[in-house]
Amino acid sequence: MQNAVIRKLDGKDREEALSLAWSVFLAYEAPDYGRDGVEEFRRSLRDDAYLAALQVYGAFLADEMAGMIATRN
């Protein structure tokens, strides 16, 4: 079993992480949200002020992003 490498993201990797967050949200969370809730989450992923307050980390297996997490300071 391969160990994941976890690192803070920026630039292209950060965009990939946000795309992953959106995909996972659509698959697992969006069905429980109304249209307004889904739209609000989508907006948050494009809101520069909101995103500037986040620290985004990615987990990589064999140089492929396998997961991500974002935290606020």
C-alpha atoms as a PDB file:
ATOM      1  CA  MET A   1       0.000   0.000   0.000  1.00  0.00           C
ATOM      2  CA  GLN A   2       1.322   3.388  -1.004  1.00  0.00           C
ATOM      3  CA  ASN A   3       1.510   6.305   1.425  1.00  0.00           C
ATOM      4  CA  ALA A   4      -0.194   9.547   0.486  1.00  0.00           C
ATOM      5  CA  VAL A   5       1.823  12.724   0.205  1.00  0.00           C
ATOM      6  CA  ILE A   6      -0.025  15.712   1.662  1.00  0.00           C
ATOM      7  CA  ARG A   7       0.925  19.265   0.786  1.00  0.00           C
ATOM      8  CA  LYS A   8      -0.452  22.784   0.766  1.00  0.00           C
ATOM      9  CA  LEU A   9      -1.829  23.725  -2.636  1.00  0.00           C
ATOM     10  CA  ASP A  10      -1.698  26.789  -4.807  1.00  0.00           C
ATOM     11  CA  GLY A  11      -2.104  27.633  -8.482  1.00  0.00           C
ATOM     12  CA  LYS A  12      -3.115  24.819 -10.797  1.00  0.00           C
ATOM     13  CA  ASP A  13      -3.251  22.211  -8.018  1.00  0.00           C
ATOM     14  CA  ARG A  14      -5.583  24.436  -5.999  1.00  0.00           C
ATOM     15  CA  GLU A  15      -7.938  24.723  -8.987  1.00  0.00           C
ATOM     16  CA  GLU A  16      -7.870  20.944  -9.363  1.00  0.00           C
ATOM     17  CA  ALA A  17      -8.769  20.591  -5.661  1.00  0.00           C
ATOM     18  CA  LEU A  18     -11.724  22.975  -6.014  1.00  0.00           C
ATOM     19  CA  SER A  19     -12.899  21.005  -9.028  1.00  0.00           C
ATOM     20  CA  LEU A  20     -12.640  17.810  -6.983  1.00  0.00           C
ATOM     21  CA  ALA A  21     -14.635  19.419  -4.165  1.00  0.00           C
ATOM     22  CA  TRP A  22     -17.364  20.371  -6.653  1.00  0.00           C
ATOM     23  CA  SER A  23     -17.495  16.868  -8.156  1.00  0.00           C
ATOM     24  CA  VAL A  24     -17.730  15.194  -4.756  1.00  0.00           C
ATOM     25  CA  PHE A  25     -20.349  17.701  -3.606  1.00  0.00           C
ATOM     26  CA  LEU A  26     -22.484  16.985  -6.687  1.00  0.00           C
ATOM     27  CA  ALA A  27     -22.248  13.238  -6.210  1.00  0.00           C
ATOM     28  CA  TYR A  28     -22.780  12.990  -2.465  1.00  0.00           C
ATOM     29  CA  GLU A  29     -24.216  16.198  -1.010  1.00  0.00           C
ATOM     30  CA  ALA A  30     -26.188  18.010  -3.704  1.00  0.00           C
ATOM     31  CA  PRO A  31     -29.023  15.443  -3.750  1.00  0.00           C
ATOM     32  CA  ASP A  32     -29.859  16.541  -0.174  1.00  0.00           C
ATOM     33  CA  TYR A  33     -29.755  20.269  -1.004  1.00  0.00           C
ATOM     34  CA  GLY A  34     -32.265  22.458  -2.757  1.00  0.00           C
ATOM     35  CA  ARG A  35     -31.335  24.289  -5.934  1.00  0.00           C
ATOM     36  CA  ASP A  36     -30.446  27.428  -3.945  1.00  0.00           C
ATOM     37  CA  GLY A  37     -28.078  25.476  -1.690  1.00  0.00           C
ATOM     38  CA  VAL A  38     -26.306  23.879  -4.637  1.00  0.00           C
ATOM     39  CA  GLU A  39     -25.948  27.270  -6.313  1.00  0.00           C
ATOM     40  CA  GLU A  40     -24.572  28.829  -3.107  1.00  0.00           C
ATOM     41  CA  PHE A  41     -21.907  26.129  -2.837  1.00  0.00           C
ATOM     42  CA  ARG A  42     -20.980  26.646  -6.494  1.00  0.00           C
ATOM     43  CA  ARG A  43     -20.673  30.399  -5.898  1.00  0.00           C
ATOM     44  CA  SER A  44     -18.457  29.864  -2.866  1.00  0.00           C
ATOM     45  CA  LEU A  45     -15.984  27.919  -5.007  1.00  0.00           C
ATOM     46  CA  ARG A  46     -15.652  30.977  -7.276  1.00  0.00           C
ATOM     47  CA  ASP A  47     -15.657  33.661  -4.580  1.00  0.00           C
ATOM     48  CA  ASP A  48     -12.119  35.071  -4.392  1.00  0.00           C
ATOM     49  CA  ALA A  49     -12.670  36.678  -0.979  1.00  0.00           C
ATOM     50  CA  TYR A  50     -14.002  33.427   0.489  1.00  0.00           C
ATOM     51  CA  LEU A  51     -11.247  31.340  -1.096  1.00  0.00           C
ATOM     52  CA  ALA A  52      -8.523  33.749   0.088  1.00  0.00           C
ATOM     53  CA  ALA A  53      -9.419  32.836   3.673  1.00  0.00           C
ATOM     54  CA  LEU A  54      -8.881  29.108   3.038  1.00  0.00           C
ATOM     55  CA  GLN A  55      -5.785  26.979   3.344  1.00  0.00           C
ATOM     56  CA  VAL A  56      -6.173  24.140   0.831  1.00  0.00           C
ATOM     57  CA  TYR A  57      -4.273  20.859   1.111  1.00  0.00           C
ATOM     58  CA  GLY A  58      -4.170  17.929  -1.259  1.00  0.00           C
ATOM     59  CA  ALA A  59      -3.431  14.247  -0.751  1.00  0.00           C
ATOM     60  CA  PHE A  60      -1.528  12.677  -3.633  1.00  0.00           C
ATOM     61  CA  LEU A  61      -0.993   9.040  -4.560  1.00  0.00           C
ATOM     62  CA  ALA A  62       1.559   8.512  -7.319  1.00  0.00           C
ATOM     63  CA  ASP A  63       1.375  12.222  -8.227  1.00  0.00           C
ATOM     64  CA  GLU A  64      -2.421  12.046  -8.649  1.00  0.00           C
ATOM     65  CA  MET A  65      -4.716  14.017  -6.350  1.00  0.00           C
ATOM     66  CA  ALA A  66      -6.737  11.532  -4.331  1.00  0.00           C
ATOM     67  CA  GLY A  67      -8.319  13.937  -1.860  1.00  0.00           C
ATOM     68  CA  MET A  68      -8.374  17.466  -0.539  1.00  0.00           C
ATOM     69  CA  ILE A  69      -9.303  19.482   2.506  1.00  0.00           C
ATOM     70  CA  ALA A  70      -9.732  23.203   3.060  1.00  0.00           C
ATOM     71  CA  THR A  71      -9.522  24.962   6.409  1.00  0.00           C
ATOM     72  CA  ARG A  72     -10.079  28.540   7.527  1.00  0.00           C
ATOM     73  CA  ASN A  73      -7.619  30.398   9.725  1.00  0.00           C
END
